[in-house]
């Protein structure tokens, strides 16, 4: 079954426009999910709104949204009144400006959506907009009303279509200085950085998302399958939590040695590892070792 579009409307660049659809990029239908069950009867349970004063259940027809305007005083707003609120971005993605994608900090990116032409008539205009953006290597900035909120978005060429990513408002993003201001400046031994850099070189590879599996999901399925068969759930030893590094130099050397052993055991991984840069210091030479004894 084809996924349902999350939004339908128009993509507009100056006087050029075309009908488009937004489709979510992710699918969570196959994830393990649980229902809440009444332990005594084995029946599923359902949630129900309860009047906070009378304690009585509230029927669906009596549920209405309320906007608080005072202490325990609410203005009632009907669903059709909310649906009637329409602005340009409710139905049109009007590209307002173009920017370099790299100029947008990663912390502003929220949710991605695929953008495709909604009908055959729109395909030519859609392709023109996409190819012009690709040629200029720019990302478009627009706004869209999605799930009853107007959101700034970034639009960029992606494969045969476009990728739209909703952006967070500046006022909702915690600034780095709020979090990092208390961190002290640390003077770092350049030889320690050389060792860490060498480890990074050893672990370089091409990004392959197909190599990631949800191991927690697999453990949940193993639990479910065991209970279905009337067996005891498998006992999984919790992984040992890492401790704070006492001797950073020794830890880096052991990490490097462990990576070398892994490459020796698996020659295929050696092809993925990037070679060390020419002229780089020998990370396992005597000079660092002498320094380690001095600092001990």
Protein backbone atom coordinates (compact mmCIF):
# COMPACT_ATOMS: atom_id res chain seq x y z
CA UNK A 1 0.00 0.00 0.00
CA UNK A 2 1.41 3.38 -1.00
CA UNK A 3 2.00 5.73 1.95
CA UNK A 4 -0.51 8.53 2.42
CA UNK A 5 0.81 12.04 1.71
CA UNK A 6 1.36 14.13 4.83
CA UNK A 7 0.48 17.31 2.91
CA UNK A 8 -0.81 18.35 -0.51
CA UNK A 9 -0.42 21.79 -2.06
CA UNK A 10 1.71 23.81 -4.44
CA UNK A 11 5.42 24.49 -4.80
CA UNK A 12 6.00 28.02 -6.02
CA UNK A 13 9.13 29.73 -7.36
CA UNK A 14 8.30 33.31 -8.35
CA UNK A 15 5.56 32.89 -11.01
CA UNK A 16 6.25 29.18 -11.59
CA UNK A 17 4.16 26.74 -9.55
CA UNK A 18 3.25 23.07 -9.56
CA UNK A 19 1.13 20.71 -7.46
CA UNK A 20 3.19 18.62 -5.02
CA UNK A 21 2.81 16.06 -2.25
CA UNK A 22 4.84 15.50 0.92
CA UNK A 23 5.53 11.94 2.06
CA UNK A 24 7.32 10.94 5.25
CA UNK A 25 10.77 9.47 4.73
CA UNK A 26 10.49 6.91 7.52
CA UNK A 27 8.27 3.90 8.17
CA UNK A 28 7.66 2.64 11.70
CA UNK A 29 4.98 0.07 10.87
CA UNK A 30 7.28 -2.91 11.43
CA UNK A 31 8.45 -1.86 14.89
CA UNK A 32 7.52 -3.94 17.92
CA UNK A 33 4.54 -2.34 19.63
CA UNK A 34 2.54 -3.24 22.72
CA UNK A 35 -1.11 -2.79 23.70
CA UNK A 36 -2.22 -2.15 27.28
CA UNK A 37 -4.07 -5.21 28.62
CA UNK A 38 -6.29 -5.75 31.66
CA UNK A 39 -4.27 -8.36 33.56
CA UNK A 40 -7.43 -9.82 35.17
CA UNK A 41 -9.48 -10.31 31.99
CA UNK A 42 -6.89 -10.36 29.22
CA UNK A 43 -8.88 -7.71 27.35
CA UNK A 44 -7.41 -4.60 25.74
CA UNK A 45 -8.15 -1.31 27.46
CA UNK A 46 -8.94 2.08 25.95
CA UNK A 47 -8.34 5.60 27.19
CA UNK A 48 -11.25 7.78 28.14
CA UNK A 49 -11.50 11.44 29.13
CA UNK A 50 -12.86 12.03 32.63
CA UNK A 51 -14.40 15.29 33.85
CA UNK A 52 -11.93 16.70 36.38
CA UNK A 53 -14.70 17.89 38.73
CA UNK A 54 -17.58 15.44 38.39
CA UNK A 55 -15.37 12.42 37.77
CA UNK A 56 -17.76 11.22 35.06
CA UNK A 57 -16.65 9.99 31.59
CA UNK A 58 -16.94 12.51 28.75
CA UNK A 59 -18.51 11.36 25.46
CA UNK A 60 -16.85 12.05 22.12
CA UNK A 61 -19.51 14.59 21.14
CA UNK A 62 -18.89 16.59 24.32
CA UNK A 63 -15.14 16.91 23.83
CA UNK A 64 -14.05 20.36 22.64
CA UNK A 65 -10.77 22.29 22.70
CA UNK A 66 -10.42 25.10 25.22
CA UNK A 67 -7.98 28.01 25.35
CA UNK A 68 -7.22 29.17 28.89
CA UNK A 69 -8.02 32.85 29.34
CA UNK A 70 -8.05 32.94 33.14
CA UNK A 71 -7.98 30.77 36.25
CA UNK A 72 -10.20 27.80 35.40
CA UNK A 73 -11.74 29.89 32.61
CA UNK A 74 -11.56 28.63 29.02
CA UNK A 75 -12.62 29.88 25.62
CA UNK A 76 -14.16 27.00 23.65
CA UNK A 77 -12.87 26.59 20.08
CA UNK A 78 -14.51 24.14 17.67
CA UNK A 79 -12.57 21.91 15.27
CA UNK A 80 -14.21 23.45 12.19
CA UNK A 81 -13.19 26.91 13.43
CA UNK A 82 -9.57 25.79 13.62
CA UNK A 83 -9.80 24.17 10.17
CA UNK A 84 -11.09 27.46 8.78
CA UNK A 85 -7.85 29.23 9.74
CA UNK A 86 -5.97 29.38 6.43
CA UNK A 87 -2.87 31.34 5.42
CA UNK A 88 -0.75 31.13 2.25
CA UNK A 89 1.58 28.46 3.64
CA UNK A 90 -1.44 26.26 4.41
CA UNK A 91 -1.52 25.33 0.74
CA UNK A 92 1.57 26.85 -0.94
CA UNK A 93 5.29 26.27 -0.47
CA UNK A 94 6.54 29.60 -1.73
CA UNK A 95 10.35 29.62 -1.88
CA UNK A 96 11.39 32.93 -0.35
CA UNK A 97 15.17 32.73 -0.63
CA UNK A 98 18.08 30.43 -1.44
CA UNK A 99 20.98 29.64 0.87
CA UNK A 100 23.99 27.38 1.09
CA UNK A 101 22.92 24.23 2.89
CA UNK A 102 26.17 24.22 4.87
CA UNK A 103 25.19 27.58 6.37
CA UNK A 104 22.32 25.98 8.32
CA UNK A 105 23.57 24.50 11.63
CA UNK A 106 22.59 20.86 12.11
CA UNK A 107 20.70 21.66 15.33
CA UNK A 108 18.01 23.47 13.30
CA UNK A 109 17.09 20.38 11.21
CA UNK A 110 13.93 18.59 12.36
CA UNK A 111 11.90 16.17 10.19
CA UNK A 112 12.54 15.23 6.53
CA UNK A 113 9.86 14.61 3.87
CA UNK A 114 10.03 13.56 0.24
CA UNK A 115 8.51 16.06 -2.20
CA UNK A 116 7.06 14.72 -5.47
CA UNK A 117 4.81 16.14 -8.22
CA UNK A 118 1.16 15.47 -7.46
CA UNK A 119 0.10 14.88 -11.09
CA UNK A 120 1.44 14.54 -14.62
CA UNK A 121 0.77 18.18 -15.46
CA UNK A 122 3.12 19.29 -12.68
CA UNK A 123 6.09 17.13 -13.63
CA UNK A 124 7.76 19.56 -16.06
CA UNK A 125 7.63 22.59 -13.76
CA UNK A 126 8.75 20.42 -10.84
CA UNK A 127 11.74 19.13 -12.83
CA UNK A 128 12.72 22.66 -13.89
CA UNK A 129 12.75 23.89 -10.27
CA UNK A 130 14.68 20.84 -9.09
CA UNK A 131 17.33 21.04 -11.84
CA UNK A 132 17.81 24.81 -11.40
CA UNK A 133 18.41 24.29 -7.68
CA UNK A 134 20.82 21.44 -8.38
CA UNK A 135 22.77 23.51 -10.91
CA UNK A 136 23.12 26.42 -8.48
CA UNK A 137 23.83 24.03 -5.56
CA UNK A 138 21.44 25.95 -3.36
CA UNK A 139 18.72 25.05 -0.88
CA UNK A 140 15.41 26.90 -0.84
CA UNK A 141 13.83 28.34 2.30
CA UNK A 142 10.04 28.39 2.57
CA UNK A 143 7.26 27.95 5.11
CA UNK A 144 4.51 25.38 5.46
CA UNK A 145 1.53 24.80 7.74
CA UNK A 146 1.92 21.18 8.82
CA UNK A 147 -0.10 19.57 11.62
CA UNK A 148 -1.63 22.97 12.51
CA UNK A 149 1.72 24.71 12.94
CA UNK A 150 3.57 26.93 10.50
CA UNK A 151 7.12 25.72 10.18
CA UNK A 152 10.15 27.09 8.32
CA UNK A 153 11.52 24.50 5.90
CA UNK A 154 14.55 23.83 3.74
CA UNK A 155 14.02 22.33 0.28
CA UNK A 156 16.85 20.73 -1.69
CA UNK A 157 17.28 18.43 -4.72
CA UNK A 158 17.30 14.77 -3.73
CA UNK A 159 17.50 11.83 -6.15
CA UNK A 160 14.67 12.27 -8.71
CA UNK A 161 12.68 14.59 -6.46
CA UNK A 162 13.14 17.07 -3.66
CA UNK A 163 13.74 16.69 0.05
CA UNK A 164 11.95 19.02 2.43
CA UNK A 165 13.25 19.28 5.99
CA UNK A 166 11.29 21.17 8.61
CA UNK A 167 13.43 23.58 10.59
CA UNK A 168 13.23 24.49 14.25
CA UNK A 169 12.49 28.06 15.28
CA UNK A 170 15.48 29.94 16.65
CA UNK A 171 13.69 30.59 19.94
CA UNK A 172 13.22 26.85 20.49
CA UNK A 173 16.89 25.93 19.99
CA UNK A 174 19.17 26.02 23.02
CA UNK A 175 22.30 27.95 22.14
CA UNK A 176 25.62 26.10 22.57
CA UNK A 177 26.87 28.71 25.03
CA UNK A 178 24.04 27.81 27.42
CA UNK A 179 25.37 24.26 27.66
CA UNK A 180 29.11 24.59 27.10
CA UNK A 181 29.84 27.81 29.00
CA UNK A 182 30.87 25.94 32.16
CA UNK A 183 33.40 23.74 30.40
CA UNK A 184 36.98 24.63 31.24
CA UNK A 185 39.61 25.02 28.54
CA UNK A 186 41.84 21.96 28.50
CA UNK A 187 45.49 21.96 27.49
CA UNK A 188 45.99 18.82 25.40
CA UNK A 189 49.23 16.99 24.68
CA UNK A 190 49.68 17.02 20.87
CA UNK A 191 50.94 13.41 20.99
CA UNK A 192 47.65 12.27 22.51
CA UNK A 193 45.81 13.95 19.63
CA UNK A 194 48.16 12.15 17.18
CA UNK A 195 47.19 8.81 18.72
CA UNK A 196 43.47 9.59 18.63
CA UNK A 197 43.79 10.81 15.03
CA UNK A 198 45.51 7.56 14.05
CA UNK A 199 42.62 5.57 15.57
CA UNK A 200 40.16 7.65 13.53
CA UNK A 201 42.19 6.96 10.37
CA UNK A 202 42.03 3.23 11.10
CA UNK A 203 38.25 3.31 11.49
CA UNK A 204 37.41 5.27 8.34
CA UNK A 205 34.80 3.68 6.07
CA UNK A 206 32.03 4.59 3.65
CA UNK A 207 28.68 5.25 5.33
CA UNK A 208 26.36 2.27 4.84
CA UNK A 209 23.00 2.61 6.67
CA UNK A 210 22.08 -0.99 5.78
CA UNK A 211 24.68 -2.12 8.29
CA UNK A 212 22.70 -0.76 11.23
CA UNK A 213 20.25 -3.07 12.97
CA UNK A 214 18.08 -2.31 15.98
CA UNK A 215 19.66 -4.70 18.49
CA UNK A 216 17.22 -3.68 21.23
CA UNK A 217 14.34 -4.58 18.89
CA UNK A 218 15.96 -7.96 18.24
CA UNK A 219 16.29 -8.57 21.99
CA UNK A 220 12.59 -7.71 22.46
CA UNK A 221 11.63 -10.17 19.70
CA UNK A 222 13.75 -12.87 21.33
CA UNK A 223 11.88 -12.25 24.58
CA UNK A 224 8.48 -12.45 22.82
CA UNK A 225 9.37 -15.61 20.88
CA UNK A 226 10.61 -17.35 24.03
CA UNK A 227 7.39 -16.54 25.90
CA UNK A 228 5.31 -17.76 22.94
CA UNK A 229 7.08 -21.12 23.16
CA UNK A 230 6.58 -21.29 26.92
CA UNK A 231 10.30 -20.91 27.60
CA UNK A 232 12.06 -18.62 30.01
CA UNK A 233 13.15 -15.35 28.46
CA UNK A 234 16.83 -15.36 27.51
CA UNK A 235 19.09 -13.86 30.14
CA UNK A 236 21.28 -11.21 28.62
CA UNK A 237 24.25 -9.96 30.56
CA UNK A 238 24.28 -6.19 30.67
CA UNK A 239 27.28 -4.72 28.95
CA UNK A 240 29.96 -3.46 31.28
CA UNK A 241 29.78 0.28 31.68
CA UNK A 242 32.97 2.09 30.70
CA UNK A 243 34.87 3.80 33.48
CA UNK A 244 36.57 7.16 33.36
CA UNK A 245 40.00 6.89 31.75
CA UNK A 246 42.79 7.23 34.30
CA UNK A 247 45.77 7.00 31.95
CA UNK A 248 44.65 8.44 28.61
CA UNK A 249 47.88 7.57 26.83
CA UNK A 250 47.67 3.87 27.78
CA UNK A 251 43.99 3.74 26.81
CA UNK A 252 44.72 5.20 23.37
CA UNK A 253 47.63 2.79 22.81
CA UNK A 254 45.45 -0.20 23.76
CA UNK A 255 42.67 1.03 21.46
CA UNK A 256 45.15 1.33 18.61
CA UNK A 257 46.55 -2.13 19.29
CA UNK A 258 43.04 -3.57 19.42
CA UNK A 259 42.22 -2.04 16.03
CA UNK A 260 45.41 -3.48 14.54
CA UNK A 261 44.47 -6.94 15.85
CA UNK A 262 40.96 -6.60 14.38
CA UNK A 263 42.40 -5.73 10.99
CA UNK A 264 44.73 -8.71 11.17
CA UNK A 265 41.81 -11.04 11.99
CA UNK A 266 39.62 -9.53 9.26
CA UNK A 267 41.70 -8.58 6.18
CA UNK A 268 38.55 -7.25 4.44
CA UNK A 269 38.33 -4.44 6.95
CA UNK A 270 41.83 -3.33 6.05
CA UNK A 271 40.55 -2.25 2.64
CA UNK A 272 38.07 0.13 4.30
CA UNK A 273 40.63 1.66 6.64
CA UNK A 274 42.34 4.76 5.35
CA UNK A 275 46.17 4.68 5.35
CA UNK A 276 47.99 6.84 7.86
CA UNK A 277 49.13 10.18 6.52
CA UNK A 278 52.65 10.34 5.21
CA UNK A 279 55.07 11.97 7.61
CA UNK A 280 52.83 11.43 10.62
CA UNK A 281 54.48 10.62 13.93
CA UNK A 282 54.75 6.97 14.87
CA UNK A 283 51.98 6.69 17.46
CA UNK A 284 53.58 3.63 19.06
CA UNK A 285 57.18 4.88 19.02
CA UNK A 286 59.48 5.22 21.99
CA UNK A 287 59.13 8.96 22.38
CA UNK A 288 55.49 8.84 23.55
CA UNK A 289 56.28 5.87 25.81
CA UNK A 290 59.01 7.86 27.54
CA UNK A 291 56.58 10.74 27.99
CA UNK A 292 54.05 8.36 29.52
CA UNK A 293 56.62 7.20 32.11
CA UNK A 294 57.43 10.79 32.92
CA UNK A 295 53.78 11.67 33.48
CA UNK A 296 53.09 8.55 35.55
